[in-house]
Structure formats: C-alpha cells, structure tokens
Amino acid sequence: LRQVPPVVPGQEGKLFIFQGLSGTGKGTTVATLKQKMTNAVTWSNGNVFRVLTLLLVLQCEEEGATLTKDYITTERVQRLMNCVHFGHYRGKYDIKVS
C-alpha cells in the first residue's frame, strides 16, 4: 500500500475486489486505498446482503410465512436481486431497490 499512486492511470476505471473472513483487514485496506487515491470510489457488498435480508424479511411477512432456510431459495434470491440496481445516484455510487 505504500506504492499506491494517487490516481490510477488510464482513461478507464479499474476494479479491485477484496474478499476474506471478517477481521482480516479488508475494510482497513479499502480505507487506505481511498485515502491515497483521490479518484477512488468504494462500495461494500455488505449493503447488498443487508438489502436482500430486508427484502426477504418483508416478503416473508407479506406472505405470512416463516423465515427458514427452506424459504430462502435460489429462485427467490434471484427474483429479489432483479429489484436491486447498481448505479450512480445522488452523486455517488450506490444501490437502489425498485
């Protein structure tokens, strides 16, 4: 991280993906990169997880169902993901639920 340039060279954006167990330093690494790179935009998939969890709970309540592991099917999650859109909203990158 000591050799990170202040701006990633080139016309097109670059994408860095960090994954790992909780507490392994992903957030610290991203914060350091954002501080050193003035044109960096950061985004956490934790937002997607929280949105999907909320949508599942709301849908479950609407249907009067019990939220169990059997309720969370691949098809249900795929339908909910169709409601989640990634983009530039109100001057920043975020997700929008429709």
C-alpha atoms as a PDB file:
ATOM      1  CA  LEU A   1       0.000   0.000   0.000  1.00  0.00           C
ATOM      2  CA  ARG A   2       2.980   2.312   0.268  1.00  0.00           C
ATOM      3  CA  GLN A   3       3.351   2.347  -3.521  1.00  0.00           C
ATOM      4  CA  VAL A   4      -0.250   3.170  -4.445  1.00  0.00           C
ATOM      5  CA  PRO A   5      -0.415   6.043  -6.957  1.00  0.00           C
ATOM      6  CA  PRO A   6      -2.705   8.987  -6.125  1.00  0.00           C
ATOM      7  CA  VAL A   7      -4.670   8.361  -9.335  1.00  0.00           C
ATOM      8  CA  VAL A   8      -4.985   5.081 -11.231  1.00  0.00           C
ATOM      9  CA  PRO A   9      -3.523   5.791 -14.694  1.00  0.00           C
ATOM     10  CA  GLY A  10      -5.581   5.342 -17.846  1.00  0.00           C
ATOM     11  CA  GLN A  11      -8.878   6.510 -19.252  1.00  0.00           C
ATOM     12  CA  GLU A  12     -10.945   3.610 -17.986  1.00  0.00           C
ATOM     13  CA  GLY A  13     -11.678   2.733 -14.409  1.00  0.00           C
ATOM     14  CA  LYS A  14     -10.069  -0.132 -12.557  1.00  0.00           C
ATOM     15  CA  LEU A  15     -11.757  -2.583 -10.240  1.00  0.00           C
ATOM     16  CA  PHE A  16     -10.236  -4.094  -7.138  1.00  0.00           C
ATOM     17  CA  ILE A  17     -12.118  -6.836  -5.296  1.00  0.00           C
ATOM     18  CA  PHE A  18     -11.166  -7.818  -1.762  1.00  0.00           C
ATOM     19  CA  GLN A  19     -12.659 -10.856  -0.119  1.00  0.00           C
ATOM     20  CA  GLY A  20     -11.869 -12.666   3.069  1.00  0.00           C
ATOM     21  CA  LEU A  21     -13.010 -13.564   6.513  1.00  0.00           C
ATOM     22  CA  SER A  22     -14.272 -10.979   8.934  1.00  0.00           C
ATOM     23  CA  GLY A  23     -11.460  -9.141  10.692  1.00  0.00           C
ATOM     24  CA  THR A  24      -8.765  -9.818   8.098  1.00  0.00           C
ATOM     25  CA  GLY A  25      -8.247  -6.172   7.137  1.00  0.00           C
ATOM     26  CA  LYS A  26     -10.411  -5.713   4.029  1.00  0.00           C
ATOM     27  CA  GLY A  27     -12.007  -2.543   5.361  1.00  0.00           C
ATOM     28  CA  THR A  28      -8.679  -1.135   6.516  1.00  0.00           C
ATOM     29  CA  THR A  29      -7.139  -1.836   3.108  1.00  0.00           C
ATOM     30  CA  VAL A  30     -10.030  -0.165   1.296  1.00  0.00           C
ATOM     31  CA  ALA A  31      -9.894   2.858   3.607  1.00  0.00           C
ATOM     32  CA  THR A  32      -6.150   3.205   2.957  1.00  0.00           C
ATOM     33  CA  LEU A  33      -6.640   2.958  -0.811  1.00  0.00           C
ATOM     34  CA  LYS A  34      -9.437   5.512  -0.728  1.00  0.00           C
ATOM     35  CA  GLN A  35      -7.266   7.902   1.262  1.00  0.00           C
ATOM     36  CA  LYS A  36      -4.303   7.540  -1.118  1.00  0.00           C
ATOM     37  CA  MET A  37      -6.270   7.510  -4.394  1.00  0.00           C
ATOM     38  CA  THR A  38      -8.201  10.721  -4.875  1.00  0.00           C
ATOM     39  CA  ASN A  39     -10.444   9.277  -7.600  1.00  0.00           C
ATOM     40  CA  ALA A  40     -11.333   6.065  -5.762  1.00  0.00           C
ATOM     41  CA  VAL A  41     -14.935   5.000  -5.300  1.00  0.00           C
ATOM     42  CA  THR A  42     -15.554   2.296  -2.723  1.00  0.00           C
ATOM     43  CA  TRP A  43     -18.532   0.064  -2.257  1.00  0.00           C
ATOM     44  CA  SER A  44     -19.300  -2.775   0.122  1.00  0.00           C
ATOM     45  CA  ASN A  45     -21.271  -5.872  -0.724  1.00  0.00           C
ATOM     46  CA  GLY A  46     -22.443  -5.798   2.883  1.00  0.00           C
ATOM     47  CA  ASN A  47     -25.016  -3.298   1.604  1.00  0.00           C
ATOM     48  CA  VAL A  48     -26.345  -5.920  -0.811  1.00  0.00           C
ATOM     49  CA  PHE A  49     -26.513  -8.520   1.942  1.00  0.00           C
ATOM     50  CA  ARG A  50     -28.450  -6.150   4.206  1.00  0.00           C
ATOM     51  CA  VAL A  51     -30.853  -5.161   1.399  1.00  0.00           C
ATOM     52  CA  LEU A  52     -31.503  -8.800   0.454  1.00  0.00           C
ATOM     53  CA  THR A  53     -32.075  -9.682   4.107  1.00  0.00           C
ATOM     54  CA  LEU A  54     -34.583  -6.838   4.476  1.00  0.00           C
ATOM     55  CA  LEU A  55     -36.376  -7.782   1.244  1.00  0.00           C
ATOM     56  CA  LEU A  56     -36.572 -11.423   2.338  1.00  0.00           C
ATOM     57  CA  VAL A  57     -37.991 -10.478   5.733  1.00  0.00           C
ATOM     58  CA  LEU A  58     -40.556  -8.096   4.201  1.00  0.00           C
ATOM     59  CA  GLN A  59     -41.621 -10.665   1.613  1.00  0.00           C
ATOM     60  CA  CYS A  60     -41.879 -13.342   4.280  1.00  0.00           C
ATOM     61  CA  GLU A  61     -44.076 -11.088   6.441  1.00  0.00           C
ATOM     62  CA  GLU A  62     -46.271 -10.225   3.435  1.00  0.00           C
ATOM     63  CA  GLU A  63     -46.823 -13.891   2.719  1.00  0.00           C
ATOM     64  CA  GLY A  64     -47.381 -14.774   6.373  1.00  0.00           C
ATOM     65  CA  ALA A  65     -44.582 -17.326   6.065  1.00  0.00           C
ATOM     66  CA  THR A  66     -41.870 -18.320   8.490  1.00  0.00           C
ATOM     67  CA  LEU A  67     -38.351 -17.302   7.563  1.00  0.00           C
ATOM     68  CA  THR A  68     -36.405 -20.543   7.484  1.00  0.00           C
ATOM     69  CA  LYS A  69     -33.512 -21.825   5.398  1.00  0.00           C
ATOM     70  CA  ASP A  70     -36.075 -23.553   3.148  1.00  0.00           C
ATOM     71  CA  TYR A  71     -37.746 -20.192   2.446  1.00  0.00           C
ATOM     72  CA  ILE A  72     -34.501 -18.738   1.072  1.00  0.00           C
ATOM     73  CA  THR A  73     -34.365 -20.481  -2.288  1.00  0.00           C
ATOM     74  CA  THR A  74     -32.086 -19.674  -5.215  1.00  0.00           C
ATOM     75  CA  GLU A  75     -35.120 -18.639  -7.272  1.00  0.00           C
ATOM     76  CA  ARG A  76     -36.393 -16.290  -4.555  1.00  0.00           C
ATOM     77  CA  VAL A  77     -32.995 -14.614  -4.153  1.00  0.00           C
ATOM     78  CA  GLN A  78     -32.678 -14.254  -7.940  1.00  0.00           C
ATOM     79  CA  ARG A  79     -36.092 -12.538  -8.105  1.00  0.00           C
ATOM     80  CA  LEU A  80     -35.090 -10.181  -5.301  1.00  0.00           C
ATOM     81  CA  MET A  81     -31.750  -9.429  -6.990  1.00  0.00           C
ATOM     82  CA  ASN A  82     -33.745  -8.244 -10.006  1.00  0.00           C
ATOM     83  CA  CYS A  83     -35.079  -5.490  -7.720  1.00  0.00           C
ATOM     84  CA  VAL A  84     -31.568  -4.343  -6.751  1.00  0.00           C
ATOM     85  CA  HIS A  85     -29.870  -1.961  -9.174  1.00  0.00           C
ATOM     86  CA  PHE A  86     -26.299  -0.671  -9.046  1.00  0.00           C
ATOM     87  CA  GLY A  87     -25.521   2.803 -10.288  1.00  0.00           C
ATOM     88  CA  HIS A  88     -24.702   6.444  -9.689  1.00  0.00           C
ATOM     89  CA  TYR A  89     -27.430   8.000  -7.526  1.00  0.00           C
ATOM     90  CA  ARG A  90     -27.413  11.465  -5.938  1.00  0.00           C
ATOM     91  CA  GLY A  91     -23.768  11.996  -6.797  1.00  0.00           C
ATOM     92  CA  LYS A  92     -22.403   8.690  -5.501  1.00  0.00           C
ATOM     93  CA  TYR A  93     -22.350   5.014  -6.392  1.00  0.00           C
ATOM     94  CA  ASP A  94     -24.928   3.021  -4.510  1.00  0.00           C
ATOM     95  CA  ILE A  95     -27.719   0.514  -4.848  1.00  0.00           C
ATOM     96  CA  LYS A  96     -31.382   1.259  -5.485  1.00  0.00           C
ATOM     97  CA  VAL A  97     -34.308  -1.053  -4.791  1.00  0.00           C
ATOM     98  CA  SER A  98     -37.285  -0.956  -7.133  1.00  0.00           C
END
